[in-house]
Amino acid sequence: IILVGNYAQEYYLNTRREKNLTETVRNFRKYLPDYFPLVHPSPRNIRWFRQNPWFENEVIPVLKEIVNRIVFKK
């Protein structure tokens, strides 16, 4: 289940979340394969993306790999 944003993470992860959204997303591997916590891709979050370049380098490639595996059954 892809958990987009804080509300989804709060609902599904509850007490298993990290201290904040950034730390939960940074530790996304901890929640795999059941959950994949992400930041909401809203234009309002552009600042967050700029302040957290690790997201694009570490999280997006893994997300792409998982989606490709599911869609193309690799």
N, C-alpha and C. Protein backbone atom coordinates (compact mmCIF):
# COMPACT_ATOMS: atom_id res chain seq x y z
N ILE A 1 0.86 -1.17 0.00
CA ILE A 1 0.00 0.00 0.00
C ILE A 1 0.91 1.23 0.00
N ILE A 2 0.69 2.11 -0.95
CA ILE A 2 1.45 3.36 -1.01
C ILE A 2 0.75 4.36 -0.10
N LEU A 3 1.49 4.86 0.87
CA LEU A 3 0.94 5.80 1.84
C LEU A 3 1.41 7.20 1.48
N VAL A 4 0.54 7.95 0.82
CA VAL A 4 0.88 9.29 0.34
C VAL A 4 0.45 10.33 1.36
N GLY A 5 1.42 10.93 2.00
CA GLY A 5 1.13 12.01 2.94
C GLY A 5 1.00 11.56 4.38
N ASN A 6 0.94 12.54 5.23
CA ASN A 6 0.93 12.32 6.67
C ASN A 6 -0.34 11.62 7.16
N TYR A 7 -1.50 11.99 6.61
CA TYR A 7 -2.75 11.38 7.08
C TYR A 7 -2.78 9.88 6.83
N ALA A 8 -2.35 9.46 5.64
CA ALA A 8 -2.33 8.03 5.32
C ALA A 8 -1.34 7.30 6.21
N GLN A 9 -0.19 7.90 6.44
CA GLN A 9 0.82 7.27 7.29
C GLN A 9 0.34 7.18 8.72
N GLU A 10 -0.32 8.21 9.18
CA GLU A 10 -0.86 8.20 10.54
C GLU A 10 -1.91 7.10 10.70
N TYR A 11 -2.77 6.95 9.71
CA TYR A 11 -3.84 5.96 9.77
C TYR A 11 -3.30 4.53 9.73
N TYR A 12 -2.44 4.25 8.76
CA TYR A 12 -1.98 2.87 8.57
C TYR A 12 -0.82 2.48 9.47
N LEU A 13 0.09 3.40 9.74
CA LEU A 13 1.27 3.05 10.53
C LEU A 13 1.07 3.33 12.01
N ASN A 14 0.21 4.28 12.32
CA ASN A 14 -0.12 4.64 13.69
C ASN A 14 1.14 4.82 14.54
N THR A 15 1.33 4.01 15.55
CA THR A 15 2.47 4.18 16.45
C THR A 15 3.78 3.69 15.86
N ARG A 16 3.75 3.04 14.71
CA ARG A 16 4.98 2.55 14.08
C ARG A 16 5.69 3.64 13.28
N ARG A 17 5.04 4.81 13.15
CA ARG A 17 5.65 5.93 12.41
C ARG A 17 6.88 6.44 13.16
N GLU A 18 7.72 7.14 12.43
CA GLU A 18 8.86 7.81 13.05
C GLU A 18 8.36 9.11 13.68
N LYS A 19 9.27 9.94 14.17
CA LYS A 19 8.86 11.16 14.88
C LYS A 19 8.21 12.19 13.99
N ASN A 20 8.44 12.12 12.67
CA ASN A 20 7.79 13.03 11.73
C ASN A 20 7.73 12.41 10.34
N LEU A 21 7.05 13.06 9.43
CA LEU A 21 6.87 12.54 8.07
C LEU A 21 8.20 12.33 7.37
N THR A 22 9.11 13.28 7.50
CA THR A 22 10.42 13.16 6.84
C THR A 22 11.15 11.91 7.29
N GLU A 23 11.17 11.66 8.57
CA GLU A 23 11.87 10.47 9.08
C GLU A 23 11.16 9.18 8.69
N THR A 24 9.85 9.21 8.63
CA THR A 24 9.11 8.02 8.19
C THR A 24 9.44 7.71 6.74
N VAL A 25 9.45 8.72 5.89
CA VAL A 25 9.77 8.52 4.48
C VAL A 25 11.23 8.11 4.33
N ARG A 26 12.13 8.73 5.08
CA ARG A 26 13.55 8.39 5.01
C ARG A 26 13.78 6.91 5.36
N ASN A 27 12.98 6.39 6.26
CA ASN A 27 13.11 4.99 6.70
C ASN A 27 12.09 4.08 6.01
N PHE A 28 11.75 4.40 4.78
CA PHE A 28 10.70 3.67 4.06
C PHE A 28 10.96 2.17 3.98
N ARG A 29 12.22 1.76 3.91
CA ARG A 29 12.55 0.33 3.79
C ARG A 29 12.04 -0.48 4.98
N LYS A 30 11.96 0.17 6.11
CA LYS A 30 11.49 -0.46 7.34
C LYS A 30 10.04 -0.96 7.19
N TYR A 31 9.27 -0.31 6.32
CA TYR A 31 7.84 -0.61 6.18
C TYR A 31 7.53 -1.52 4.99
N LEU A 32 8.53 -1.75 4.15
CA LEU A 32 8.33 -2.63 3.00
C LEU A 32 8.22 -4.06 3.47
N PRO A 33 7.54 -4.94 2.80
CA PRO A 33 6.84 -4.78 1.54
C PRO A 33 5.38 -4.36 1.70
N ASP A 34 4.91 -4.24 2.93
CA ASP A 34 3.49 -3.94 3.14
C ASP A 34 3.12 -2.50 2.83
N TYR A 35 3.99 -1.58 3.20
CA TYR A 35 3.69 -0.15 3.04
C TYR A 35 4.86 0.58 2.40
N PHE A 36 4.54 1.63 1.66
CA PHE A 36 5.57 2.49 1.08
C PHE A 36 5.18 3.93 1.38
N PRO A 37 5.74 4.52 2.46
CA PRO A 37 5.39 5.89 2.82
C PRO A 37 6.05 6.91 1.89
N LEU A 38 5.26 7.86 1.42
CA LEU A 38 5.74 8.91 0.53
C LEU A 38 5.23 10.27 0.98
N VAL A 39 5.88 11.29 0.48
CA VAL A 39 5.42 12.66 0.68
C VAL A 39 4.40 12.95 -0.41
N HIS A 40 3.39 13.73 -0.09
CA HIS A 40 2.40 14.09 -1.10
C HIS A 40 3.07 14.93 -2.19
N PRO A 41 2.87 14.58 -3.47
CA PRO A 41 3.54 15.30 -4.56
C PRO A 41 2.87 16.62 -4.93
N SER A 42 2.49 17.36 -3.96
CA SER A 42 1.81 18.64 -4.16
C SER A 42 2.81 19.75 -4.47
N PRO A 43 2.42 20.73 -5.27
CA PRO A 43 3.29 21.90 -5.49
C PRO A 43 3.64 22.61 -4.17
N ARG A 44 2.80 22.45 -3.18
CA ARG A 44 3.09 23.05 -1.87
C ARG A 44 4.30 22.41 -1.20
N ASN A 45 4.68 21.23 -1.65
CA ASN A 45 5.79 20.52 -1.04
C ASN A 45 7.11 20.69 -1.79
N ILE A 46 7.16 21.58 -2.75
CA ILE A 46 8.39 21.80 -3.51
C ILE A 46 9.55 22.13 -2.57
N ARG A 47 9.29 22.94 -1.57
CA ARG A 47 10.33 23.29 -0.60
C ARG A 47 10.86 22.03 0.10
N TRP A 48 9.94 21.15 0.49
CA TRP A 48 10.36 19.91 1.15
C TRP A 48 11.26 19.10 0.23
N PHE A 49 10.88 18.97 -1.04
CA PHE A 49 11.69 18.20 -1.99
C PHE A 49 13.07 18.83 -2.16
N ARG A 50 13.15 20.13 -2.19
CA ARG A 50 14.45 20.83 -2.32
C ARG A 50 15.31 20.63 -1.08
N GLN A 51 14.69 20.58 0.07
CA GLN A 51 15.44 20.42 1.32
C GLN A 51 15.83 18.96 1.58
N ASN A 52 15.27 18.04 0.82
CA ASN A 52 15.52 16.62 1.04
C ASN A 52 15.89 15.93 -0.27
N PRO A 53 17.06 16.26 -0.83
CA PRO A 53 17.46 15.69 -2.12
C PRO A 53 17.64 14.17 -2.07
N TRP A 54 17.83 13.61 -0.90
CA TRP A 54 17.96 12.16 -0.76
C TRP A 54 16.69 11.46 -1.26
N PHE A 55 15.54 12.13 -1.20
CA PHE A 55 14.28 11.51 -1.62
C PHE A 55 14.35 11.08 -3.08
N GLU A 56 14.78 11.98 -3.93
CA GLU A 56 14.85 11.67 -5.36
C GLU A 56 15.93 10.64 -5.65
N ASN A 57 17.02 10.66 -4.90
CA ASN A 57 18.13 9.75 -5.15
C ASN A 57 17.94 8.37 -4.54
N GLU A 58 17.25 8.28 -3.42
CA GLU A 58 17.13 7.01 -2.71
C GLU A 58 15.75 6.38 -2.78
N VAL A 59 14.72 7.19 -2.70
CA VAL A 59 13.36 6.65 -2.62
C VAL A 59 12.75 6.40 -3.99
N ILE A 60 12.84 7.37 -4.87
CA ILE A 60 12.21 7.26 -6.20
C ILE A 60 12.70 6.04 -6.98
N PRO A 61 14.01 5.74 -7.02
CA PRO A 61 14.44 4.54 -7.76
C PRO A 61 13.82 3.25 -7.23
N VAL A 62 13.68 3.14 -5.91
CA VAL A 62 13.08 1.94 -5.33
C VAL A 62 11.59 1.89 -5.68
N LEU A 63 10.92 3.02 -5.61
CA LEU A 63 9.50 3.07 -5.98
C LEU A 63 9.32 2.65 -7.44
N LYS A 64 10.16 3.17 -8.33
CA LYS A 64 10.07 2.81 -9.75
C LYS A 64 10.27 1.31 -9.95
N GLU A 65 11.24 0.76 -9.26
CA GLU A 65 11.53 -0.67 -9.37
C GLU A 65 10.33 -1.51 -8.93
N ILE A 66 9.73 -1.16 -7.81
CA ILE A 66 8.58 -1.91 -7.30
C ILE A 66 7.39 -1.79 -8.24
N VAL A 67 7.11 -0.58 -8.72
CA VAL A 67 5.99 -0.38 -9.64
C VAL A 67 6.22 -1.16 -10.93
N ASN A 68 7.43 -1.11 -11.47
CA ASN A 68 7.73 -1.87 -12.69
C ASN A 68 7.54 -3.36 -12.47
N ARG A 69 7.98 -3.85 -11.34
CA ARG A 69 7.84 -5.27 -11.03
C ARG A 69 6.37 -5.67 -10.98
N ILE A 70 5.54 -4.83 -10.40
CA ILE A 70 4.11 -5.13 -10.30
C ILE A 70 3.42 -5.02 -11.66
N VAL A 71 3.68 -3.93 -12.36
CA VAL A 71 3.01 -3.68 -13.63
C VAL A 71 3.43 -4.67 -14.71
N PHE A 72 4.74 -4.93 -14.77
CA PHE A 72 5.25 -5.79 -15.83
C PHE A 72 5.54 -7.21 -15.35
N LYS A 73 5.22 -7.48 -14.08
CA LYS A 73 5.39 -8.80 -13.47
C LYS A 73 6.78 -9.37 -13.72
N LYS A 74 7.79 -8.55 -13.44
CA LYS A 74 9.19 -8.97 -13.64
C LYS A 74 9.68 -9.74 -12.45
